[in-house]
Amino acid sequence: NAAEIEATVRPLLAAEAFLVQPFVPAIMTQGEDSLM
């Protein structure tokens, strides 16, 4: 789906930068932990 997402993001790049990170599978199974 890279081409589809790229088409969505491309117009936004005119005004802002984007971050790309590998998808972490643990997000789907154990979640994300927040420490205060």
PDB file of all heavy atoms in Angstrom:
ATOM      1  N   ASN A   1       0.809  -1.219   0.000  1.00  0.00           N
ATOM      2  CA  ASN A   1       0.000   0.000   0.000  1.00  0.00           C
ATOM      3  C   ASN A   1       0.847   1.276   0.000  1.00  0.00           C
ATOM      4  O   ASN A   1       0.326   2.375   0.212  1.00  0.00           O
ATOM      5  CB  ASN A   1      -0.962   0.019   1.194  1.00  0.00           C
ATOM      6  CG  ASN A   1      -0.259   0.204   2.537  1.00  0.00           C
ATOM      7  OD1 ASN A   1       0.963   0.305   2.605  1.00  0.00           O
ATOM      8  ND2 ASN A   1      -1.032   0.239   3.608  1.00  0.00           N
ATOM      9  N   ALA A   2       2.151   1.133  -0.231  1.00  0.00           N
ATOM     10  CA  ALA A   2       3.057   2.289  -0.156  1.00  0.00           C
ATOM     11  C   ALA A   2       2.643   3.399  -1.116  1.00  0.00           C
ATOM     12  O   ALA A   2       2.675   4.581  -0.758  1.00  0.00           O
ATOM     13  CB  ALA A   2       4.491   1.844  -0.440  1.00  0.00           C
ATOM     14  N   ALA A   3       2.243   3.044  -2.322  1.00  0.00           N
ATOM     15  CA  ALA A   3       1.865   4.071  -3.302  1.00  0.00           C
ATOM     16  C   ALA A   3       0.625   4.833  -2.835  1.00  0.00           C
ATOM     17  O   ALA A   3       0.544   6.065  -2.986  1.00  0.00           O
ATOM     18  CB  ALA A   3       1.616   3.421  -4.660  1.00  0.00           C
ATOM     19  N   GLU A   4      -0.336   4.116  -2.252  1.00  0.00           N
ATOM     20  CA  GLU A   4      -1.564   4.755  -1.770  1.00  0.00           C
ATOM     21  C   GLU A   4      -1.260   5.728  -0.616  1.00  0.00           C
ATOM     22  O   GLU A   4      -1.746   6.869  -0.596  1.00  0.00           O
ATOM     23  CB  GLU A   4      -2.541   3.682  -1.296  1.00  0.00           C
ATOM     24  CG  GLU A   4      -3.827   4.217  -0.697  1.00  0.00           C
ATOM     25  CD  GLU A   4      -4.669   3.110  -0.092  1.00  0.00           C
ATOM     26  OE1 GLU A   4      -4.390   1.918  -0.343  1.00  0.00           O
ATOM     27  OE2 GLU A   4      -5.629   3.443   0.648  1.00  0.00           O
ATOM     28  N   ILE A   5      -0.456   5.276   0.350  1.00  0.00           N
ATOM     29  CA  ILE A   5      -0.108   6.140   1.488  1.00  0.00           C
ATOM     30  C   ILE A   5       0.736   7.319   1.022  1.00  0.00           C
ATOM     31  O   ILE A   5       0.561   8.454   1.475  1.00  0.00           O
ATOM     32  CB  ILE A   5       0.641   5.339   2.572  1.00  0.00           C
ATOM     33  CG1 ILE A   5      -0.230   4.186   3.092  1.00  0.00           C
ATOM     34  CG2 ILE A   5       1.067   6.252   3.712  1.00  0.00           C
ATOM     35  CD1 ILE A   5      -1.534   4.613   3.716  1.00  0.00           C
ATOM     36  N   GLU A   6       1.632   7.070   0.093  1.00  0.00           N
ATOM     37  CA  GLU A   6       2.476   8.142  -0.436  1.00  0.00           C
ATOM     38  C   GLU A   6       1.622   9.229  -1.085  1.00  0.00           C
ATOM     39  O   GLU A   6       1.882  10.431  -0.912  1.00  0.00           O
ATOM     40  CB  GLU A   6       3.469   7.580  -1.438  1.00  0.00           C
ATOM     41  CG  GLU A   6       4.436   8.613  -2.003  1.00  0.00           C
ATOM     42  CD  GLU A   6       5.483   7.992  -2.918  1.00  0.00           C
ATOM     43  OE1 GLU A   6       5.978   6.895  -2.598  1.00  0.00           O
ATOM     44  OE2 GLU A   6       5.799   8.618  -3.949  1.00  0.00           O
ATOM     45  N   ALA A   7       0.589   8.830  -1.806  1.00  0.00           N
ATOM     46  CA  ALA A   7      -0.302   9.806  -2.445  1.00  0.00           C
ATOM     47  C   ALA A   7      -1.032  10.648  -1.414  1.00  0.00           C
ATOM     48  O   ALA A   7      -1.298  11.835  -1.642  1.00  0.00           O
ATOM     49  CB  ALA A   7      -1.299   9.082  -3.351  1.00  0.00           C
ATOM     50  N   THR A   8      -1.345  10.043  -0.270  1.00  0.00           N
ATOM     51  CA  THR A   8      -2.024  10.775   0.799  1.00  0.00           C
ATOM     52  C   THR A   8      -1.088  11.769   1.476  1.00  0.00           C
ATOM     53  O   THR A   8      -1.474  12.902   1.784  1.00  0.00           O
ATOM     54  CB  THR A   8      -2.566   9.788   1.854  1.00  0.00           C
ATOM     55  OG1 THR A   8      -3.501   8.901   1.230  1.00  0.00           O
ATOM     56  CG2 THR A   8      -3.244  10.519   2.999  1.00  0.00           C
ATOM     57  N   VAL A   9       0.144  11.345   1.691  1.00  0.00           N
ATOM     58  CA  VAL A   9       1.106  12.163   2.440  1.00  0.00           C
ATOM     59  C   VAL A   9       1.772  13.220   1.572  1.00  0.00           C
ATOM     60  O   VAL A   9       2.140  14.297   2.069  1.00  0.00           O
ATOM     61  CB  VAL A   9       2.158  11.247   3.099  1.00  0.00           C
ATOM     62  CG1 VAL A   9       3.287  12.058   3.730  1.00  0.00           C
ATOM     63  CG2 VAL A   9       1.501  10.355   4.152  1.00  0.00           C
ATOM     64  N   ARG A  10       1.910  12.952   0.282  1.00  0.00           N
ATOM     65  CA  ARG A  10       2.673  13.855  -0.593  1.00  0.00           C
ATOM     66  C   ARG A  10       2.235  15.313  -0.497  1.00  0.00           C
ATOM     67  O   ARG A  10       3.094  16.207  -0.357  1.00  0.00           O
ATOM     68  CB  ARG A  10       2.589  13.378  -2.041  1.00  0.00           C
ATOM     69  CG  ARG A  10       3.525  14.136  -2.988  1.00  0.00           C
ATOM     70  CD  ARG A  10       3.365  13.682  -4.429  1.00  0.00           C
ATOM     71  NE  ARG A  10       3.619  12.267  -4.584  1.00  0.00           N
ATOM     72  CZ  ARG A  10       2.713  11.376  -5.004  1.00  0.00           C
ATOM     73  NH1 ARG A  10       1.484  11.764  -5.307  1.00  0.00           N
ATOM     74  NH2 ARG A  10       3.032  10.106  -5.132  1.00  0.00           N
ATOM     75  N   PRO A  11       0.945  15.629  -0.551  1.00  0.00           N
ATOM     76  CA  PRO A  11       0.556  17.048  -0.446  1.00  0.00           C
ATOM     77  C   PRO A  11       0.908  17.657   0.907  1.00  0.00           C
ATOM     78  O   PRO A  11       1.171  18.865   0.990  1.00  0.00           O
ATOM     79  CB  PRO A  11      -0.970  17.010  -0.636  1.00  0.00           C
ATOM     80  CG  PRO A  11      -1.266  15.706  -1.293  1.00  0.00           C
ATOM     81  CD  PRO A  11      -0.225  14.758  -0.781  1.00  0.00           C
ATOM     82  N   LEU A  12       0.940  16.846   1.960  1.00  0.00           N
ATOM     83  CA  LEU A  12       1.247  17.346   3.296  1.00  0.00           C
ATOM     84  C   LEU A  12       2.711  17.717   3.438  1.00  0.00           C
ATOM     85  O   LEU A  12       3.075  18.563   4.260  1.00  0.00           O
ATOM     86  CB  LEU A  12       0.874  16.292   4.345  1.00  0.00           C
ATOM     87  CG  LEU A  12      -0.584  15.805   4.322  1.00  0.00           C
ATOM     88  CD1 LEU A  12      -0.774  14.662   5.311  1.00  0.00           C
ATOM     89  CD2 LEU A  12      -1.536  16.946   4.628  1.00  0.00           C
ATOM     90  N   LEU A  13       3.573  17.075   2.631  1.00  0.00           N
ATOM     91  CA  LEU A  13       5.012  17.326   2.709  1.00  0.00           C
ATOM     92  C   LEU A  13       5.383  18.756   2.303  1.00  0.00           C
ATOM     93  O   LEU A  13       6.473  19.226   2.617  1.00  0.00           O
ATOM     94  CB  LEU A  13       5.774  16.345   1.821  1.00  0.00           C
ATOM     95  CG  LEU A  13       6.141  15.000   2.449  1.00  0.00           C
ATOM     96  CD1 LEU A  13       6.678  14.061   1.384  1.00  0.00           C
ATOM     97  CD2 LEU A  13       7.150  15.176   3.570  1.00  0.00           C
ATOM     98  N   ALA A  14       4.485  19.427   1.624  1.00  0.00           N
ATOM     99  CA  ALA A  14       4.770  20.812   1.260  1.00  0.00           C
ATOM    100  C   ALA A  14       4.861  21.696   2.493  1.00  0.00           C
ATOM    101  O   ALA A  14       5.540  22.728   2.476  1.00  0.00           O
ATOM    102  CB  ALA A  14       3.674  21.332   0.323  1.00  0.00           C
ATOM    103  N   ALA A  15       4.186  21.281   3.587  1.00  0.00           N
ATOM    104  CA  ALA A  15       4.118  22.129   4.775  1.00  0.00           C
ATOM    105  C   ALA A  15       4.809  21.541   5.992  1.00  0.00           C
ATOM    106  O   ALA A  15       5.098  22.271   6.940  1.00  0.00           O
ATOM    107  CB  ALA A  15       2.648  22.408   5.118  1.00  0.00           C
ATOM    108  N   GLU A  16       5.061  20.220   6.005  1.00  0.00           N
ATOM    109  CA  GLU A  16       5.625  19.620   7.213  1.00  0.00           C
ATOM    110  C   GLU A  16       6.449  18.385   6.890  1.00  0.00           C
ATOM    111  O   GLU A  16       6.244  17.726   5.872  1.00  0.00           O
ATOM    112  CB  GLU A  16       4.523  19.266   8.218  1.00  0.00           C
ATOM    113  CG  GLU A  16       3.423  18.367   7.677  1.00  0.00           C
ATOM    114  CD  GLU A  16       2.275  18.204   8.655  1.00  0.00           C
ATOM    115  OE1 GLU A  16       2.508  18.233   9.879  1.00  0.00           O
ATOM    116  OE2 GLU A  16       1.132  18.026   8.198  1.00  0.00           O
ATOM    117  N   ALA A  17       7.385  18.089   7.794  1.00  0.00           N
ATOM    118  CA  ALA A  17       8.234  16.907   7.671  1.00  0.00           C
ATOM    119  C   ALA A  17       7.537  15.701   8.300  1.00  0.00           C
ATOM    120  O   ALA A  17       6.651  15.849   9.157  1.00  0.00           O
ATOM    121  CB  ALA A  17       9.578  17.152   8.346  1.00  0.00           C
ATOM    122  N   PHE A  18       7.964  14.503   7.903  1.00  0.00           N
ATOM    123  CA  PHE A  18       7.374  13.268   8.418  1.00  0.00           C
ATOM    124  C   PHE A  18       8.457  12.345   8.970  1.00  0.00           C
ATOM    125  O   PHE A  18       9.617  12.384   8.549  1.00  0.00           O
ATOM    126  CB  PHE A  18       6.586  12.548   7.320  1.00  0.00           C
ATOM    127  CG  PHE A  18       5.168  13.040   7.182  1.00  0.00           C
ATOM    128  CD1 PHE A  18       4.907  14.282   6.619  1.00  0.00           C
ATOM    129  CD2 PHE A  18       4.104  12.282   7.639  1.00  0.00           C
ATOM    130  CE1 PHE A  18       3.603  14.743   6.496  1.00  0.00           C
ATOM    131  CE2 PHE A  18       2.801  12.738   7.533  1.00  0.00           C
ATOM    132  CZ  PHE A  18       2.549  13.980   6.955  1.00  0.00           C
ATOM    133  N   LEU A  19       8.035  11.538   9.915  1.00  0.00           N
ATOM    134  CA  LEU A  19       8.882  10.520  10.532  1.00  0.00           C
ATOM    135  C   LEU A  19       8.385   9.148  10.088  1.00  0.00           C
ATOM    136  O   LEU A  19       7.173   8.895  10.075  1.00  0.00           O
ATOM    137  CB  LEU A  19       8.790  10.635  12.059  1.00  0.00           C
ATOM    138  CG  LEU A  19       9.299   9.463  12.908  1.00  0.00           C
ATOM    139  CD1 LEU A  19      10.815   9.384  12.826  1.00  0.00           C
ATOM    140  CD2 LEU A  19       8.859   9.630  14.363  1.00  0.00           C
ATOM    141  N   VAL A  20       9.314   8.270   9.732  1.00  0.00           N
ATOM    142  CA  VAL A  20       8.974   6.893   9.367  1.00  0.00           C
ATOM    143  C   VAL A  20       9.739   5.958  10.294  1.00  0.00           C
ATOM    144  O   VAL A  20      10.962   6.070  10.444  1.00  0.00           O
ATOM    145  CB  VAL A  20       9.322   6.590   7.892  1.00  0.00           C
ATOM    146  CG1 VAL A  20       8.806   5.203   7.504  1.00  0.00           C
ATOM    147  CG2 VAL A  20       8.746   7.658   6.958  1.00  0.00           C
ATOM    148  N   GLN A  21       9.016   5.034  10.924  1.00  0.00           N
ATOM    149  CA  GLN A  21       9.622   4.059  11.830  1.00  0.00           C
ATOM    150  C   GLN A  21       9.114   2.665  11.481  1.00  0.00           C
ATOM    151  O   GLN A  21       7.975   2.516  11.023  1.00  0.00           O
ATOM    152  CB  GLN A  21       9.257   4.369  13.283  1.00  0.00           C
ATOM    153  CG  GLN A  21       9.808   5.678  13.809  1.00  0.00           C
ATOM    154  CD  GLN A  21       9.356   5.970  15.230  1.00  0.00           C
ATOM    155  OE1 GLN A  21       8.178   5.855  15.547  1.00  0.00           O
ATOM    156  NE2 GLN A  21      10.287   6.341  16.087  1.00  0.00           N
ATOM    157  N   PRO A  22       9.913   1.628  11.700  1.00  0.00           N
ATOM    158  CA  PRO A  22       9.413   0.269  11.446  1.00  0.00           C
ATOM    159  C   PRO A  22       8.233  -0.043  12.347  1.00  0.00           C
ATOM    160  O   PRO A  22       8.181   0.406  13.505  1.00  0.00           O
ATOM    161  CB  PRO A  22      10.615  -0.616  11.778  1.00  0.00           C
ATOM    162  CG  PRO A  22      11.434   0.199  12.732  1.00  0.00           C
ATOM    163  CD  PRO A  22      11.261   1.624  12.291  1.00  0.00           C
ATOM    164  N   PHE A  23       7.285  -0.785  11.831  1.00  0.00           N
ATOM    165  CA  PHE A  23       6.145  -1.204  12.642  1.00  0.00           C
ATOM    166  C   PHE A  23       6.624  -2.219  13.674  1.00  0.00           C
ATOM    167  O   PHE A  23       7.323  -3.178  13.330  1.00  0.00           O
ATOM    168  CB  PHE A  23       5.065  -1.820  11.757  1.00  0.00           C
ATOM    169  CG  PHE A  23       3.859  -2.277  12.520  1.00  0.00           C
ATOM    170  CD1 PHE A  23       2.953  -1.355  13.008  1.00  0.00           C
ATOM    171  CD2 PHE A  23       3.647  -3.624  12.767  1.00  0.00           C
ATOM    172  CE1 PHE A  23       1.836  -1.766  13.722  1.00  0.00           C
ATOM    173  CE2 PHE A  23       2.541  -4.047  13.482  1.00  0.00           C
ATOM    174  CZ  PHE A  23       1.630  -3.116  13.963  1.00  0.00           C
ATOM    175  N   VAL A  24       6.273  -1.973  14.932  1.00  0.00           N
ATOM    176  CA  VAL A  24       6.694  -2.847  16.024  1.00  0.00           C
ATOM    177  C   VAL A  24       5.538  -3.801  16.345  1.00  0.00           C
ATOM    178  O   VAL A  24       4.510  -3.364  16.879  1.00  0.00           O
ATOM    179  CB  VAL A  24       7.083  -2.029  17.271  1.00  0.00           C
ATOM    180  CG1 VAL A  24       7.522  -2.957  18.393  1.00  0.00           C
ATOM    181  CG2 VAL A  24       8.184  -1.025  16.932  1.00  0.00           C
ATOM    182  N   PRO A  25       5.653  -5.101  16.042  1.00  0.00           N
ATOM    183  CA  PRO A  25       4.540  -6.026  16.238  1.00  0.00           C
ATOM    184  C   PRO A  25       4.012  -6.074  17.667  1.00  0.00           C
ATOM    185  O   PRO A  25       2.823  -6.328  17.890  1.00  0.00           O
ATOM    186  CB  PRO A  25       5.138  -7.379  15.820  1.00  0.00           C
ATOM    187  CG  PRO A  25       6.240  -7.034  14.874  1.00  0.00           C
ATOM    188  CD  PRO A  25       6.807  -5.757  15.396  1.00  0.00           C
ATOM    189  N   ALA A  26       4.878  -5.814  18.645  1.00  0.00           N
ATOM    190  CA  ALA A  26       4.443  -5.888  20.041  1.00  0.00           C
ATOM    191  C   ALA A  26       3.336  -4.894  20.350  1.00  0.00           C
ATOM    192  O   ALA A  26       2.580  -5.078  21.313  1.00  0.00           O
ATOM    193  CB  ALA A  26       5.640  -5.651  20.969  1.00  0.00           C
ATOM    194  N   ILE A  27       3.226  -3.834  19.559  1.00  0.00           N
ATOM    195  CA  ILE A  27       2.132  -2.869  19.746  1.00  0.00           C
ATOM    196  C   ILE A  27       0.787  -3.576  19.665  1.00  0.00           C
ATOM    197  O   ILE A  27      -0.156  -3.244  20.383  1.00  0.00           O
ATOM    198  CB  ILE A  27       2.222  -1.758  18.677  1.00  0.00           C
ATOM    199  CG1 ILE A  27       3.387  -0.819  18.980  1.00  0.00           C
ATOM    200  CG2 ILE A  27       0.925  -0.990  18.580  1.00  0.00           C
ATOM    201  CD1 ILE A  27       3.123   0.159  20.112  1.00  0.00           C
ATOM    202  N   MET A  28       0.684  -4.559  18.773  1.00  0.00           N
ATOM    203  CA  MET A  28      -0.591  -5.259  18.556  1.00  0.00           C
ATOM    204  C   MET A  28      -0.859  -6.302  19.629  1.00  0.00           C
ATOM    205  O   MET A  28      -2.013  -6.669  19.864  1.00  0.00           O
ATOM    206  CB  MET A  28      -0.593  -5.933  17.182  1.00  0.00           C
ATOM    207  CG  MET A  28      -0.387  -4.968  16.029  1.00  0.00           C
ATOM    208  SD  MET A  28      -1.817  -3.925  15.714  1.00  0.00           S
ATOM    209  CE  MET A  28      -2.944  -5.096  14.953  1.00  0.00           C
ATOM    210  N   THR A  29       0.187  -6.800  20.290  1.00  0.00           N
ATOM    211  CA  THR A  29       0.006  -7.908  21.229  1.00  0.00           C
ATOM    212  C   THR A  29       0.078  -7.469  22.688  1.00  0.00           C
ATOM    213  O   THR A  29      -0.756  -7.864  23.503  1.00  0.00           O
ATOM    214  CB  THR A  29       1.055  -8.996  20.973  1.00  0.00           C
ATOM    215  OG1 THR A  29       2.373  -8.413  21.035  1.00  0.00           O
ATOM    216  CG2 THR A  29       0.857  -9.626  19.594  1.00  0.00           C
ATOM    217  N   GLN A  30       1.076  -6.644  23.042  1.00  0.00           N
ATOM    218  CA  GLN A  30       1.200  -6.241  24.439  1.00  0.00           C
ATOM    219  C   GLN A  30       1.024  -4.751  24.668  1.00  0.00           C
ATOM    220  O   GLN A  30       0.901  -4.301  25.802  1.00  0.00           O
ATOM    221  CB  GLN A  30       2.554  -6.669  25.008  1.00  0.00           C
ATOM    222  CG  GLN A  30       3.755  -5.924  24.456  1.00  0.00           C
ATOM    223  CD  GLN A  30       5.060  -6.477  24.996  1.00  0.00           C
ATOM    224  OE1 GLN A  30       5.294  -7.682  24.979  1.00  0.00           O
ATOM    225  NE2 GLN A  30       5.924  -5.599  25.488  1.00  0.00           N
ATOM    226  N   GLY A  31       0.999  -3.960  23.596  1.00  0.00           N
ATOM    227  CA  GLY A  31       0.734  -2.542  23.725  1.00  0.00           C
ATOM    228  C   GLY A  31       1.999  -1.710  23.895  1.00  0.00           C
ATOM    229  O   GLY A  31       3.105  -2.147  23.577  1.00  0.00           O
ATOM    230  N   GLU A  32       1.793  -0.505  24.399  1.00  0.00           N
ATOM    231  CA  GLU A  32       2.866   0.466  24.598  1.00  0.00           C
ATOM    232  C   GLU A  32       2.842   0.909  26.056  1.00  0.00           C
ATOM    233  O   GLU A  32       1.779   1.193  26.605  1.00  0.00           O
ATOM    234  CB  GLU A  32       2.638   1.664  23.670  1.00  0.00           C
ATOM    235  CG  GLU A  32       3.628   2.795  23.811  1.00  0.00           C
ATOM    236  CD  GLU A  32       3.299   3.945  22.869  1.00  0.00           C
ATOM    237  OE1 GLU A  32       3.440   3.764  21.645  1.00  0.00           O
ATOM    238  OE2 GLU A  32       2.872   5.013  23.354  1.00  0.00           O
ATOM    239  N   ASP A  33       3.995   0.951  26.686  1.00  0.00           N
ATOM    240  CA  ASP A  33       4.070   1.305  28.105  1.00  0.00           C
ATOM    241  C   ASP A  33       4.534   2.750  28.271  1.00  0.00           C
ATOM    242  O   ASP A  33       5.519   3.167  27.649  1.00  0.00           O
ATOM    243  CB  ASP A  33       5.032   0.367  28.838  1.00  0.00           C
ATOM    244  CG  ASP A  33       4.537  -1.067  28.834  1.00  0.00           C
ATOM    245  OD1 ASP A  33       3.317  -1.267  28.700  1.00  0.00           O
ATOM    246  OD2 ASP A  33       5.368  -1.986  28.961  1.00  0.00           O
ATOM    247  N   SER A  34       3.822   3.489  29.114  1.00  0.00           N
ATOM    248  CA  SER A  34       4.151   4.887  29.390  1.00  0.00           C
ATOM    249  C   SER A  34       4.586   5.013  30.839  1.00  0.00           C
ATOM    250  O   SER A  34       3.830   4.652  31.754  1.00  0.00           O
ATOM    251  CB  SER A  34       2.939   5.785  29.122  1.00  0.00           C
ATOM    252  OG  SER A  34       2.644   5.853  27.747  1.00  0.00           O
ATOM    253  N   LEU A  35       5.790   5.540  31.043  1.00  0.00           N
ATOM    254  CA  LEU A  35       6.336   5.733  32.380  1.00  0.00           C
ATOM    255  C   LEU A  35       6.414   7.229  32.665  1.00  0.00           C
ATOM    256  O   LEU A  35       6.967   7.999  31.868  1.00  0.00           O
ATOM    257  CB  LEU A  35       7.726   5.111  32.501  1.00  0.00           C
ATOM    258  CG  LEU A  35       7.795   3.583  32.687  1.00  0.00           C
ATOM    259  CD1 LEU A  35       7.322   2.837  31.453  1.00  0.00           C
ATOM    260  CD2 LEU A  35       9.213   3.157  33.045  1.00  0.00           C
ATOM    261  N   MET A  36       5.841   7.649  33.789  1.00  0.00           N
ATOM    262  CA  MET A  36       5.837   9.049  34.186  1.00  0.00           C
ATOM    263  C   MET A  36       7.019   9.331  35.108  1.00  0.00           C
ATOM    264  O   MET A  36       7.293   8.559  36.037  1.00  0.00           O
ATOM    265  CB  MET A  36       4.538   9.386  34.891  1.00  0.00           C
ATOM    266  CG  MET A  36       3.387   9.778  33.958  1.00  0.00           C
ATOM    267  SD  MET A  36       3.052   8.703  32.533  1.00  0.00           S
ATOM    268  CE  MET A  36       2.189   7.319  33.288  1.00  0.00           C
TER     269      MET A  36
END
